[in-house]
Amino acid sequence: VQLQASGGGLVQAGGSLRLSCAASGSIFYINDMGWYRQAPGKERELVAAITSGGTTNYADSVKGRFTISRDNAENTVYLQMNSLKPEDTAVYYCNADLVGIAGPYDYWGQGTLVTVSS
C-alpha cells in the first residue's frame, strides 16, 4: 500500500492550495483519512480528519479556512486550503487508517511542502 501526496508549493499569504493524497495497492477498506503538518522545530500536528462516512474534524487554527474531503471510490483525500497564512508553512502529510492484504495498519504519505510567503 502506498499513499501519494501532491499539491504543495509556494503561495502568497491569502492565497489557496489544494492537496491531494491517493492510496493505492491491495486495499480492502479505508477508515479515517487525515492531514497532518509539521513546521520546522515543531511537532507533527493534526490539521483535519475525515471518517469513511464523511464526518470531519479540524484543528482550531484552520477552521473556516481549510476543507477536507474524500472520494471513497478513488481512495483519495483532499485538503482545500484557503486564506493561507505564513504560519501554515509546513510539510503536510496524509494519513490513512486502512485494512489491506496485510491486515489493519496506519499508513503515511511522503509529505508535501507548503510555503506561504508574507
PDB file of N, CA and C in Angstrom:
ATOM      1  N   VAL A   1       0.858  -1.195   0.000  1.00  0.00           N
ATOM      2  CA  VAL A   1       0.000   0.000   0.000  1.00  0.00           C
ATOM      3  C   VAL A   1       0.885   1.232   0.000  1.00  0.00           C
ATOM      4  N   GLN A   2       0.504   2.219  -0.797  1.00  0.00           N
ATOM      5  CA  GLN A   2       1.217   3.494  -0.841  1.00  0.00           C
ATOM      6  C   GLN A   2       0.238   4.640  -0.774  1.00  0.00           C
ATOM      7  N   LEU A   3       0.680   5.734  -0.135  1.00  0.00           N
ATOM      8  CA  LEU A   3      -0.061   6.974  -0.139  1.00  0.00           C
ATOM      9  C   LEU A   3       0.795   8.005  -0.865  1.00  0.00           C
ATOM     10  N   GLN A   4       0.268   8.574  -1.921  1.00  0.00           N
ATOM     11  CA  GLN A   4       0.998   9.540  -2.725  1.00  0.00           C
ATOM     12  C   GLN A   4       0.343  10.900  -2.604  1.00  0.00           C
ATOM     13  N   ALA A   5       1.060  11.820  -1.977  1.00  0.00           N
ATOM     14  CA  ALA A   5       0.538  13.176  -1.778  1.00  0.00           C
ATOM     15  C   ALA A   5       1.076  14.117  -2.846  1.00  0.00           C
ATOM     16  N   SER A   6       0.276  15.108  -3.188  1.00  0.00           N
ATOM     17  CA  SER A   6       0.696  16.109  -4.158  1.00  0.00           C
ATOM     18  C   SER A   6      -0.057  17.410  -3.904  1.00  0.00           C
ATOM     19  N   GLY A   7       0.427  18.477  -4.543  1.00  0.00           N
ATOM     20  CA  GLY A   7      -0.289  19.745  -4.493  1.00  0.00           C
ATOM     21  C   GLY A   7       0.366  20.839  -3.688  1.00  0.00           C
ATOM     22  N   GLY A   8       1.461  20.537  -3.014  1.00  0.00           N
ATOM     23  CA  GLY A   8       2.134  21.575  -2.251  1.00  0.00           C
ATOM     24  C   GLY A   8       2.825  22.569  -3.158  1.00  0.00           C
ATOM     25  N   GLY A   9       3.327  23.635  -2.552  1.00  0.00           N
ATOM     26  CA  GLY A   9       4.028  24.642  -3.331  1.00  0.00           C
ATOM     27  C   GLY A   9       4.182  25.928  -2.566  1.00  0.00           C
ATOM     28  N   LEU A  10       4.577  26.969  -3.301  1.00  0.00           N
ATOM     29  CA  LEU A  10       4.774  28.301  -2.731  1.00  0.00           C
ATOM     30  C   LEU A  10       3.598  29.185  -3.107  1.00  0.00           C
ATOM     31  N   VAL A  11       3.031  29.853  -2.108  1.00  0.00           N
ATOM     32  CA  VAL A  11       1.886  30.712  -2.346  1.00  0.00           C
ATOM     33  C   VAL A  11       1.996  31.934  -1.436  1.00  0.00           C
ATOM     34  N   GLN A  12       1.445  33.035  -1.882  1.00  0.00           N
ATOM     35  CA  GLN A  12       1.435  34.245  -1.059  1.00  0.00           C
ATOM     36  C   GLN A  12       0.338  34.159  -0.008  1.00  0.00           C
ATOM     37  N   ALA A  13       0.536  34.885   1.070  1.00  0.00           N
ATOM     38  CA  ALA A  13      -0.484  34.937   2.113  1.00  0.00           C
ATOM     39  C   ALA A  13      -1.817  35.376   1.503  1.00  0.00           C
ATOM     40  N   GLY A  14      -2.878  34.702   1.933  1.00  0.00           N
ATOM     41  CA  GLY A  14      -4.201  34.971   1.386  1.00  0.00           C
ATOM     42  C   GLY A  14      -4.567  34.090   0.217  1.00  0.00           C
ATOM     43  N   GLY A  15      -3.593  33.361  -0.292  1.00  0.00           N
ATOM     44  CA  GLY A  15      -3.832  32.502  -1.438  1.00  0.00           C
ATOM     45  C   GLY A  15      -4.395  31.150  -1.049  1.00  0.00           C
ATOM     46  N   SER A  16      -4.511  30.276  -2.054  1.00  0.00           N
ATOM     47  CA  SER A  16      -5.114  28.958  -1.858  1.00  0.00           C
ATOM     48  C   SER A  16      -4.245  27.877  -2.484  1.00  0.00           C
ATOM     49  N   LEU A  17      -4.356  26.697  -1.910  1.00  0.00           N
ATOM     50  CA  LEU A  17      -3.750  25.498  -2.468  1.00  0.00           C
ATOM     51  C   LEU A  17      -4.678  24.325  -2.203  1.00  0.00           C
ATOM     52  N   ARG A  18      -4.583  23.312  -3.041  1.00  0.00           N
ATOM     53  CA  ARG A  18      -5.354  22.097  -2.838  1.00  0.00           C
ATOM     54  C   ARG A  18      -4.404  20.907  -2.826  1.00  0.00           C
ATOM     55  N   LEU A  19      -4.397  20.192  -1.727  1.00  0.00           N
ATOM     56  CA  LEU A  19      -3.582  18.999  -1.602  1.00  0.00           C
ATOM     57  C   LEU A  19      -4.425  17.769  -1.927  1.00  0.00           C
ATOM     58  N   SER A  20      -3.773  16.781  -2.527  1.00  0.00           N
ATOM     59  CA  SER A  20      -4.424  15.507  -2.819  1.00  0.00           C
ATOM     60  C   SER A  20      -3.553  14.376  -2.296  1.00  0.00           C
ATOM     61  N   CYS A  21      -4.194  13.283  -1.934  1.00  0.00           N
ATOM     62  CA  CYS A  21      -3.455  12.112  -1.478  1.00  0.00           C
ATOM     63  C   CYS A  21      -4.231  10.871  -1.893  1.00  0.00           C
ATOM     64  N   ALA A  22      -3.598  10.067  -2.742  1.00  0.00           N
ATOM     65  CA  ALA A  22      -4.248   8.865  -3.250  1.00  0.00           C
ATOM     66  C   ALA A  22      -3.608   7.624  -2.647  1.00  0.00           C
ATOM     67  N   ALA A  23      -4.439   6.741  -2.156  1.00  0.00           N
ATOM     68  CA  ALA A  23      -3.975   5.461  -1.622  1.00  0.00           C
ATOM     69  C   ALA A  23      -4.095   4.409  -2.714  1.00  0.00           C
ATOM     70  N   SER A  24      -3.055   3.605  -2.846  1.00  0.00           N
ATOM     71  CA  SER A  24      -3.069   2.565  -3.877  1.00  0.00           C
ATOM     72  C   SER A  24      -2.494   1.269  -3.306  1.00  0.00           C
ATOM     73  N   GLY A  25      -2.801   0.179  -3.974  1.00  0.00           N
ATOM     74  CA  GLY A  25      -2.328  -1.123  -3.519  1.00  0.00           C
ATOM     75  C   GLY A  25      -3.490  -2.022  -3.171  1.00  0.00           C
ATOM     76  N   SER A  26      -3.177  -3.068  -2.424  1.00  0.00           N
ATOM     77  CA  SER A  26      -4.185  -4.058  -2.047  1.00  0.00           C
ATOM     78  C   SER A  26      -4.943  -3.572  -0.811  1.00  0.00           C
ATOM     79  N   ILE A  27      -5.973  -2.784  -1.061  1.00  0.00           N
ATOM     80  CA  ILE A  27      -6.751  -2.147   0.000  1.00  0.00           C
ATOM     81  C   ILE A  27      -8.142  -2.735   0.037  1.00  0.00           C
ATOM     82  N   PHE A  28      -8.537  -3.170   1.218  1.00  0.00           N
ATOM     83  CA  PHE A  28      -9.888  -3.682   1.373  1.00  0.00           C
ATOM     84  C   PHE A  28     -10.845  -2.582   1.816  1.00  0.00           C
ATOM     85  N   TYR A  29     -10.390  -1.778   2.747  1.00  0.00           N
ATOM     86  CA  TYR A  29     -11.280  -0.760   3.319  1.00  0.00           C
ATOM     87  C   TYR A  29     -10.439   0.324   3.973  1.00  0.00           C
ATOM     88  N   ILE A  30     -10.867   1.587   3.789  1.00  0.00           N
ATOM     89  CA  ILE A  30     -10.203   2.714   4.446  1.00  0.00           C
ATOM     90  C   ILE A  30     -11.137   3.319   5.475  1.00  0.00           C
ATOM     91  N   ASN A  31     -10.686   3.414   6.689  1.00  0.00           N
ATOM     92  CA  ASN A  31     -11.469   4.049   7.751  1.00  0.00           C
ATOM     93  C   ASN A  31     -11.217   5.561   7.703  1.00  0.00           C
ATOM     94  N   ASP A  32     -10.562   6.087   8.715  1.00  0.00           N
ATOM     95  CA  ASP A  32     -10.292   7.527   8.747  1.00  0.00           C
ATOM     96  C   ASP A  32      -9.141   7.901   7.818  1.00  0.00           C
ATOM     97  N   MET A  33      -9.236   9.078   7.238  1.00  0.00           N
ATOM     98  CA  MET A  33      -8.132   9.671   6.481  1.00  0.00           C
ATOM     99  C   MET A  33      -7.910  11.076   7.031  1.00  0.00           C
ATOM    100  N   GLY A  34      -6.686  11.536   6.930  1.00  0.00           N
ATOM    101  CA  GLY A  34      -6.427  12.850   7.502  1.00  0.00           C
ATOM    102  C   GLY A  34      -5.175  13.504   6.966  1.00  0.00           C
ATOM    103  N   TRP A  35      -5.019  14.742   7.353  1.00  0.00           N
ATOM    104  CA  TRP A  35      -3.838  15.529   7.021  1.00  0.00           C
ATOM    105  C   TRP A  35      -3.201  16.025   8.313  1.00  0.00           C
ATOM    106  N   TYR A  36      -1.902  15.878   8.386  1.00  0.00           N
ATOM    107  CA  TYR A  36      -1.102  16.394   9.488  1.00  0.00           C
ATOM    108  C   TYR A  36      -0.061  17.342   8.901  1.00  0.00           C
ATOM    109  N   ARG A  37       0.526  18.153   9.749  1.00  0.00           N
ATOM    110  CA  ARG A  37       1.604  19.012   9.277  1.00  0.00           C
ATOM    111  C   ARG A  37       2.679  19.140  10.342  1.00  0.00           C
ATOM    112  N   GLN A  38       3.878  19.408   9.869  1.00  0.00           N
ATOM    113  CA  GLN A  38       4.998  19.596  10.765  1.00  0.00           C
ATOM    114  C   GLN A  38       5.825  20.783  10.289  1.00  0.00           C
ATOM    115  N   ALA A  39       5.841  21.822  11.103  1.00  0.00           N
ATOM    116  CA  ALA A  39       6.637  23.001  10.811  1.00  0.00           C
ATOM    117  C   ALA A  39       8.036  22.814  11.405  1.00  0.00           C
ATOM    118  N   PRO A  40       9.022  23.535  10.888  1.00  0.00           N
ATOM    119  CA  PRO A  40      10.386  23.409  11.406  1.00  0.00           C
ATOM    120  C   PRO A  40      10.454  23.643  12.909  1.00  0.00           C
ATOM    121  N   GLY A  41      11.058  22.714  13.607  1.00  0.00           N
ATOM    122  CA  GLY A  41      11.220  22.857  15.045  1.00  0.00           C
ATOM    123  C   GLY A  41       9.990  22.551  15.869  1.00  0.00           C
ATOM    124  N   LYS A  42       8.936  22.087  15.202  1.00  0.00           N
ATOM    125  CA  LYS A  42       7.694  21.794  15.921  1.00  0.00           C
ATOM    126  C   LYS A  42       7.301  20.342  15.727  1.00  0.00           C
ATOM    127  N   GLU A  43       6.402  19.877  16.589  1.00  0.00           N
ATOM    128  CA  GLU A  43       5.912  18.517  16.480  1.00  0.00           C
ATOM    129  C   GLU A  43       4.838  18.423  15.394  1.00  0.00           C
ATOM    130  N   ARG A  44       4.665  17.214  14.890  1.00  0.00           N
ATOM    131  CA  ARG A  44       3.615  16.989  13.909  1.00  0.00           C
ATOM    132  C   ARG A  44       2.268  17.170  14.592  1.00  0.00           C
ATOM    133  N   GLU A  45       1.334  17.845  13.900  1.00  0.00           N
ATOM    134  CA  GLU A  45       0.019  18.103  14.461  1.00  0.00           C
ATOM    135  C   GLU A  45      -1.068  17.751  13.465  1.00  0.00           C
ATOM    136  N   LEU A  46      -2.226  17.384  14.001  1.00  0.00           N
ATOM    137  CA  LEU A  46      -3.374  17.107  13.158  1.00  0.00           C
ATOM    138  C   LEU A  46      -3.924  18.405  12.584  1.00  0.00           C
ATOM    139  N   VAL A  47      -4.173  18.398  11.275  1.00  0.00           N
ATOM    140  CA  VAL A  47      -4.804  19.548  10.625  1.00  0.00           C
ATOM    141  C   VAL A  47      -6.293  19.278  10.442  1.00  0.00           C
ATOM    142  N   ALA A  48      -6.609  18.142   9.849  1.00  0.00           N
ATOM    143  CA  ALA A  48      -8.004  17.794   9.595  1.00  0.00           C
ATOM    144  C   ALA A  48      -8.099  16.292   9.367  1.00  0.00           C
ATOM    145  N   ALA A  49      -9.274  15.753   9.696  1.00  0.00           N
ATOM    146  CA  ALA A  49      -9.516  14.330   9.511  1.00  0.00           C
ATOM    147  C   ALA A  49     -10.936  14.126   9.040  1.00  0.00           C
ATOM    148  N   ILE A  50     -11.152  12.988   8.366  1.00  0.00           N
ATOM    149  CA  ILE A  50     -12.483  12.678   7.860  1.00  0.00           C
ATOM    150  C   ILE A  50     -12.702  11.177   7.958  1.00  0.00           C
ATOM    151  N   THR A  51     -13.888  10.805   8.443  1.00  0.00           N
ATOM    152  CA  THR A  51     -14.218   9.387   8.550  1.00  0.00           C
ATOM    153  C   THR A  51     -14.717   8.870   7.206  1.00  0.00           C
ATOM    154  N   SER A  52     -14.899   7.573   7.131  1.00  0.00           N
ATOM    155  CA  SER A  52     -15.414   6.981   5.902  1.00  0.00           C
ATOM    156  C   SER A  52     -16.836   7.458   5.607  1.00  0.00           C
ATOM    157  N   GLY A  53     -17.541   7.863   6.644  1.00  0.00           N
ATOM    158  CA  GLY A  53     -18.899   8.366   6.469  1.00  0.00           C
ATOM    159  C   GLY A  53     -18.973   9.855   6.202  1.00  0.00           C
ATOM    160  N   GLY A  54     -17.822  10.522   6.249  1.00  0.00           N
ATOM    161  CA  GLY A  54     -17.793  11.945   5.909  1.00  0.00           C
ATOM    162  C   GLY A  54     -17.776  12.900   7.091  1.00  0.00           C
ATOM    163  N   THR A  55     -17.721  12.393   8.295  1.00  0.00           N
ATOM    164  CA  THR A  55     -17.623  13.277   9.456  1.00  0.00           C
ATOM    165  C   THR A  55     -16.221  13.873   9.513  1.00  0.00           C
ATOM    166  N   THR A  56     -16.170  15.192   9.715  1.00  0.00           N
ATOM    167  CA  THR A  56     -14.881  15.894   9.679  1.00  0.00           C
ATOM    168  C   THR A  56     -14.502  16.463  11.039  1.00  0.00           C
ATOM    169  N   ASN A  57     -13.213  16.704  11.185  1.00  0.00           N
ATOM    170  CA  ASN A  57     -12.666  17.272  12.406  1.00  0.00           C
ATOM    171  C   ASN A  57     -11.506  18.163  11.999  1.00  0.00           C
ATOM    172  N   TYR A  58     -11.423  19.364  12.580  1.00  0.00           N
ATOM    173  CA  TYR A  58     -10.393  20.329  12.193  1.00  0.00           C
ATOM    174  C   TYR A  58      -9.655  20.865  13.408  1.00  0.00           C
ATOM    175  N   ALA A  59      -8.400  21.189  13.212  1.00  0.00           N
ATOM    176  CA  ALA A  59      -7.675  21.946  14.217  1.00  0.00           C
ATOM    177  C   ALA A  59      -8.278  23.345  14.298  1.00  0.00           C
ATOM    178  N   ASP A  60      -8.296  23.918  15.490  1.00  0.00           N
ATOM    179  CA  ASP A  60      -8.893  25.243  15.662  1.00  0.00           C
ATOM    180  C   ASP A  60      -8.228  26.275  14.756  1.00  0.00           C
ATOM    181  N   SER A  61      -6.948  26.116  14.509  1.00  0.00           N
ATOM    182  CA  SER A  61      -6.198  27.111  13.740  1.00  0.00           C
ATOM    183  C   SER A  61      -6.585  27.151  12.269  1.00  0.00           C
ATOM    184  N   VAL A  62      -7.271  26.123  11.772  1.00  0.00           N
ATOM    185  CA  VAL A  62      -7.619  26.092  10.351  1.00  0.00           C
ATOM    186  C   VAL A  62      -9.127  26.104  10.106  1.00  0.00           C
ATOM    187  N   LYS A  63      -9.915  26.074  11.152  1.00  0.00           N
ATOM    188  CA  LYS A  63     -11.370  26.069  10.995  1.00  0.00           C
ATOM    189  C   LYS A  63     -11.821  27.298  10.227  1.00  0.00           C
ATOM    190  N   GLY A  64     -12.690  27.058   9.252  1.00  0.00           N
ATOM    191  CA  GLY A  64     -13.204  28.155   8.436  1.00  0.00           C
ATOM    192  C   GLY A  64     -12.332  28.491   7.251  1.00  0.00           C
ATOM    193  N   ARG A  65     -11.123  27.946   7.211  1.00  0.00           N
ATOM    194  CA  ARG A  65     -10.211  28.232   6.093  1.00  0.00           C
ATOM    195  C   ARG A  65      -9.900  26.977   5.277  1.00  0.00           C
ATOM    196  N   PHE A  66      -9.793  25.843   5.944  1.00  0.00           N
ATOM    197  CA  PHE A  66      -9.456  24.590   5.271  1.00  0.00           C
ATOM    198  C   PHE A  66     -10.683  23.686   5.205  1.00  0.00           C
ATOM    199  N   THR A  67     -10.763  22.889   4.144  1.00  0.00           N
ATOM    200  CA  THR A  67     -11.840  21.920   3.988  1.00  0.00           C
ATOM    201  C   THR A  67     -11.256  20.582   3.558  1.00  0.00           C
ATOM    202  N   ILE A  68     -11.566  19.544   4.322  1.00  0.00           N
ATOM    203  CA  ILE A  68     -11.129  18.201   3.965  1.00  0.00           C
ATOM    204  C   ILE A  68     -12.292  17.464   3.315  1.00  0.00           C
ATOM    205  N   SER A  69     -11.972  16.677   2.296  1.00  0.00           N
ATOM    206  CA  SER A  69     -12.988  15.870   1.631  1.00  0.00           C
ATOM    207  C   SER A  69     -12.319  14.588   1.134  1.00  0.00           C
ATOM    208  N   ARG A  70     -13.142  13.642   0.710  1.00  0.00           N
ATOM    209  CA  ARG A  70     -12.575  12.395   0.216  1.00  0.00           C
ATOM    210  C   ARG A  70     -13.461  11.796  -0.857  1.00  0.00           C
ATOM    211  N   ASP A  71     -12.827  11.025  -1.715  1.00  0.00           N
ATOM    212  CA  ASP A  71     -13.515  10.278  -2.758  1.00  0.00           C
ATOM    213  C   ASP A  71     -13.267   8.805  -2.452  1.00  0.00           C
ATOM    214  N   ASN A  72     -14.257   8.155  -1.877  1.00  0.00           N
ATOM    215  CA  ASN A  72     -14.069   6.769  -1.454  1.00  0.00           C
ATOM    216  C   ASN A  72     -13.846   5.834  -2.640  1.00  0.00           C
ATOM    217  N   ALA A  73     -14.445   6.134  -3.767  1.00  0.00           N
ATOM    218  CA  ALA A  73     -14.277   5.287  -4.949  1.00  0.00           C
ATOM    219  C   ALA A  73     -12.839   5.336  -5.469  1.00  0.00           C
ATOM    220  N   GLU A  74     -12.179   6.492  -5.252  1.00  0.00           N
ATOM    221  CA  GLU A  74     -10.813   6.679  -5.735  1.00  0.00           C
ATOM    222  C   GLU A  74      -9.776   6.548  -4.616  1.00  0.00           C
ATOM    223  N   ASN A  75     -10.226   6.249  -3.394  1.00  0.00           N
ATOM    224  CA  ASN A  75      -9.308   6.139  -2.244  1.00  0.00           C
ATOM    225  C   ASN A  75      -8.433   7.381  -2.113  1.00  0.00           C
ATOM    226  N   THR A  76      -9.060   8.530  -2.265  1.00  0.00           N
ATOM    227  CA  THR A  76      -8.316   9.793  -2.287  1.00  0.00           C
ATOM    228  C   THR A  76      -8.893  10.768  -1.269  1.00  0.00           C
ATOM    229  N   VAL A  77      -8.016  11.489  -0.603  1.00  0.00           N
ATOM    230  CA  VAL A  77      -8.416  12.533   0.333  1.00  0.00           C
ATOM    231  C   VAL A  77      -7.834  13.853  -0.146  1.00  0.00           C
ATOM    232  N   TYR A  78      -8.596  14.915   0.032  1.00  0.00           N
ATOM    233  CA  TYR A  78      -8.199  16.246  -0.413  1.00  0.00           C
ATOM    234  C   TYR A  78      -8.176  17.211   0.771  1.00  0.00           C
ATOM    235  N   LEU A  79      -7.382  18.263   0.622  1.00  0.00           N
ATOM    236  CA  LEU A  79      -7.390  19.345   1.595  1.00  0.00           C
ATOM    237  C   LEU A  79      -7.370  20.652   0.818  1.00  0.00           C
ATOM    238  N   GLN A  80      -8.496  21.337   0.815  1.00  0.00           N
ATOM    239  CA  GLN A  80      -8.586  22.659   0.195  1.00  0.00           C
ATOM    240  C   GLN A  80      -8.189  23.686   1.244  1.00  0.00           C
ATOM    241  N   MET A  81      -7.153  24.442   0.952  1.00  0.00           N
ATOM    242  CA  MET A  81      -6.630  25.425   1.901  1.00  0.00           C
ATOM    243  C   MET A  81      -6.808  26.819   1.329  1.00  0.00           C
ATOM    244  N   ASN A  82      -7.627  27.614   1.977  1.00  0.00           N
ATOM    245  CA  ASN A  82      -7.887  28.989   1.569  1.00  0.00           C
ATOM    246  C   ASN A  82      -7.377  29.956   2.624  1.00  0.00           C
ATOM    247  N   SER A  83      -7.252  31.205   2.233  1.00  0.00           N
ATOM    248  CA  SER A  83      -6.805  32.262   3.159  1.00  0.00           C
ATOM    249  C   SER A  83      -5.545  31.827   3.908  1.00  0.00           C
ATOM    250  N   LEU A  84      -4.598  31.336   3.164  1.00  0.00           N
ATOM    251  CA  LEU A  84      -3.385  30.815   3.779  1.00  0.00           C
ATOM    252  C   LEU A  84      -2.588  31.901   4.489  1.00  0.00           C
ATOM    253  N   LYS A  85      -1.959  31.498   5.584  1.00  0.00           N
ATOM    254  CA  LYS A  85      -1.160  32.395   6.399  1.00  0.00           C
ATOM    255  C   LYS A  85       0.281  31.884   6.462  1.00  0.00           C
ATOM    256  N   PRO A  86       1.228  32.761   6.722  1.00  0.00           N
ATOM    257  CA  PRO A  86       2.619  32.286   6.839  1.00  0.00           C
ATOM    258  C   PRO A  86       2.781  31.175   7.871  1.00  0.00           C
ATOM    259  N   GLU A  87       1.982  31.208   8.922  1.00  0.00           N
ATOM    260  CA  GLU A  87       2.081  30.166   9.956  1.00  0.00           C
ATOM    261  C   GLU A  87       1.550  28.806   9.493  1.00  0.00           C
ATOM    262  N   ASP A  88       0.972  28.756   8.301  1.00  0.00           N
ATOM    263  CA  ASP A  88       0.561  27.471   7.727  1.00  0.00           C
ATOM    264  C   ASP A  88       1.731  26.769   7.033  1.00  0.00           C
ATOM    265  N   THR A  89       2.850  27.442   6.921  1.00  0.00           N
ATOM    266  CA  THR A  89       4.024  26.858   6.287  1.00  0.00           C
ATOM    267  C   THR A  89       4.478  25.613   7.050  1.00  0.00           C
ATOM    268  N   ALA A  90       4.565  24.504   6.329  1.00  0.00           N
ATOM    269  CA  ALA A  90       4.924  23.230   6.956  1.00  0.00           C
ATOM    270  C   ALA A  90       5.003  22.154   5.881  1.00  0.00           C
ATOM    271  N   VAL A  91       5.503  20.997   6.275  1.00  0.00           N
ATOM    272  CA  VAL A  91       5.365  19.814   5.437  1.00  0.00           C
ATOM    273  C   VAL A  91       4.053  19.142   5.843  1.00  0.00           C
ATOM    274  N   TYR A  92       3.223  18.898   4.869  1.00  0.00           N
ATOM    275  CA  TYR A  92       1.913  18.307   5.110  1.00  0.00           C
ATOM    276  C   TYR A  92       1.964  16.808   4.752  1.00  0.00           C
ATOM    277  N   TYR A  93       1.476  15.998   5.663  1.00  0.00           N
ATOM    278  CA  TYR A  93       1.473  14.549   5.493  1.00  0.00           C
ATOM    279  C   TYR A  93       0.037  14.028   5.496  1.00  0.00           C
ATOM    280  N   CYS A  94      -0.253  13.142   4.565  1.00  0.00           N
ATOM    281  CA  CYS A  94      -1.554  12.492   4.619  1.00  0.00           C
ATOM    282  C   CYS A  94      -1.425  11.176   5.377  1.00  0.00           C
ATOM    283  N   ASN A  95      -2.547  10.760   5.909  1.00  0.00           N
ATOM    284  CA  ASN A  95      -2.590   9.568   6.749  1.00  0.00           C
ATOM    285  C   ASN A  95      -3.861   8.801   6.448  1.00  0.00           C
ATOM    286  N   ALA A  96      -3.748   7.475   6.462  1.00  0.00           N
ATOM    287  CA  ALA A  96      -4.925   6.639   6.235  1.00  0.00           C
ATOM    288  C   ALA A  96      -4.890   5.444   7.172  1.00  0.00           C
ATOM    289  N   ASP A  97      -5.978   5.267   7.861  1.00  0.00           N
ATOM    290  CA  ASP A  97      -6.174   4.098   8.718  1.00  0.00           C
ATOM    291  C   ASP A  97      -6.959   3.086   7.884  1.00  0.00           C
ATOM    292  N   LEU A  98      -6.277   2.062   7.402  1.00  0.00           N
ATOM    293  CA  LEU A  98      -6.942   1.192   6.439  1.00  0.00           C
ATOM    294  C   LEU A  98      -6.686  -0.279   6.713  1.00  0.00           C
ATOM    295  N   VAL A  99      -7.475  -1.092   6.056  1.00  0.00           N
ATOM    296  CA  VAL A  99      -7.317  -2.537   6.123  1.00  0.00           C
ATOM    297  C   VAL A  99      -6.868  -3.012   4.747  1.00  0.00           C
ATOM    298  N   GLY A 100      -5.664  -3.548   4.688  1.00  0.00           N
ATOM    299  CA  GLY A 100      -5.125  -4.062   3.436  1.00  0.00           C
ATOM    300  C   GLY A 100      -4.930  -5.557   3.509  1.00  0.00           C
ATOM    301  N   ILE A 101      -4.212  -6.067   2.536  1.00  0.00           N
ATOM    302  CA  ILE A 101      -3.992  -7.506   2.465  1.00  0.00           C
ATOM    303  C   ILE A 101      -3.190  -7.999   3.660  1.00  0.00           C
ATOM    304  N   ALA A 102      -2.398  -7.107   4.261  1.00  0.00           N
ATOM    305  CA  ALA A 102      -1.592  -7.488   5.427  1.00  0.00           C
ATOM    306  C   ALA A 102      -2.321  -7.236   6.733  1.00  0.00           C
ATOM    307  N   GLY A 103      -3.576  -6.790   6.666  1.00  0.00           N
ATOM    308  CA  GLY A 103      -4.330  -6.504   7.865  1.00  0.00           C
ATOM    309  C   GLY A 103      -4.467  -5.017   8.094  1.00  0.00           C
ATOM    310  N   PRO A 104      -5.003  -4.604   9.251  1.00  0.00           N
ATOM    311  CA  PRO A 104      -5.173  -3.168   9.540  1.00  0.00           C
ATOM    312  C   PRO A 104      -3.840  -2.501   9.832  1.00  0.00           C
ATOM    313  N   TYR A 105      -3.691  -1.288   9.333  1.00  0.00           N
ATOM    314  CA  TYR A 105      -2.446  -0.561   9.548  1.00  0.00           C
ATOM    315  C   TYR A 105      -2.681   0.916   9.300  1.00  0.00           C
ATOM    316  N   ASP A 106      -1.796   1.720   9.882  1.00  0.00           N
ATOM    317  CA  ASP A 106      -1.840   3.165   9.754  1.00  0.00           C
ATOM    318  C   ASP A 106      -0.740   3.579   8.781  1.00  0.00           C
ATOM    319  N   TYR A 107      -1.125   4.138   7.627  1.00  0.00           N
ATOM    320  CA  TYR A 107      -0.155   4.485   6.596  1.00  0.00           C
ATOM    321  C   TYR A 107       0.034   5.988   6.495  1.00  0.00           C
ATOM    322  N   TRP A 108       1.245   6.391   6.089  1.00  0.00           N
ATOM    323  CA  TRP A 108       1.584   7.799   5.918  1.00  0.00           C
ATOM    324  C   TRP A 108       2.094   8.047   4.504  1.00  0.00           C
ATOM    325  N   GLY A 109       1.737   9.214   3.961  1.00  0.00           N
ATOM    326  CA  GLY A 109       2.306   9.648   2.702  1.00  0.00           C
ATOM    327  C   GLY A 109       3.682  10.249   2.918  1.00  0.00           C
ATOM    328  N   GLN A 110       4.321  10.628   1.833  1.00  0.00           N
ATOM    329  CA  GLN A 110       5.711  11.072   1.894  1.00  0.00           C
ATOM    330  C   GLN A 110       5.859  12.525   2.302  1.00  0.00           C
ATOM    331  N   GLY A 111       4.775  13.270   2.364  1.00  0.00           N
ATOM    332  CA  GLY A 111       4.861  14.671   2.748  1.00  0.00           C
ATOM    333  C   GLY A 111       4.981  15.577   1.533  1.00  0.00           C
ATOM    334  N   THR A 112       4.316  16.711   1.610  1.00  0.00           N
ATOM    335  CA  THR A 112       4.405  17.720   0.565  1.00  0.00           C
ATOM    336  C   THR A 112       4.561  19.084   1.233  1.00  0.00           C
ATOM    337  N   LEU A 113       5.509  19.860   0.748  1.00  0.00           N
ATOM    338  CA  LEU A 113       5.854  21.128   1.387  1.00  0.00           C
ATOM    339  C   LEU A 113       4.928  22.248   0.940  1.00  0.00           C
ATOM    340  N   VAL A 114       4.396  22.947   1.903  1.00  0.00           N
ATOM    341  CA  VAL A 114       3.592  24.146   1.657  1.00  0.00           C
ATOM    342  C   VAL A 114       4.331  25.327   2.267  1.00  0.00           C
ATOM    343  N   THR A 115       4.612  26.313   1.443  1.00  0.00           N
ATOM    344  CA  THR A 115       5.290  27.517   1.907  1.00  0.00           C
ATOM    345  C   THR A 115       4.417  28.723   1.602  1.00  0.00           C
ATOM    346  N   VAL A 116       4.104  29.479   2.641  1.00  0.00           N
ATOM    347  CA  VAL A 116       3.265  30.665   2.494  1.00  0.00           C
ATOM    348  C   VAL A 116       4.117  31.890   2.799  1.00  0.00           C
ATOM    349  N   SER A 117       4.277  32.744   1.808  1.00  0.00           N
ATOM    350  CA  SER A 117       5.095  33.939   1.984  1.00  0.00           C
ATOM    351  C   SER A 117       4.237  35.113   2.428  1.00  0.00           C
ATOM    352  N   SER A 118       4.843  35.988   3.210  1.00  0.00           N
ATOM    353  CA  SER A 118       4.089  37.140   3.732  1.00  0.00           C
ATOM    354  C   SER A 118       4.159  38.317   2.776  1.00  0.00           C
TER     355      SER A 118
END
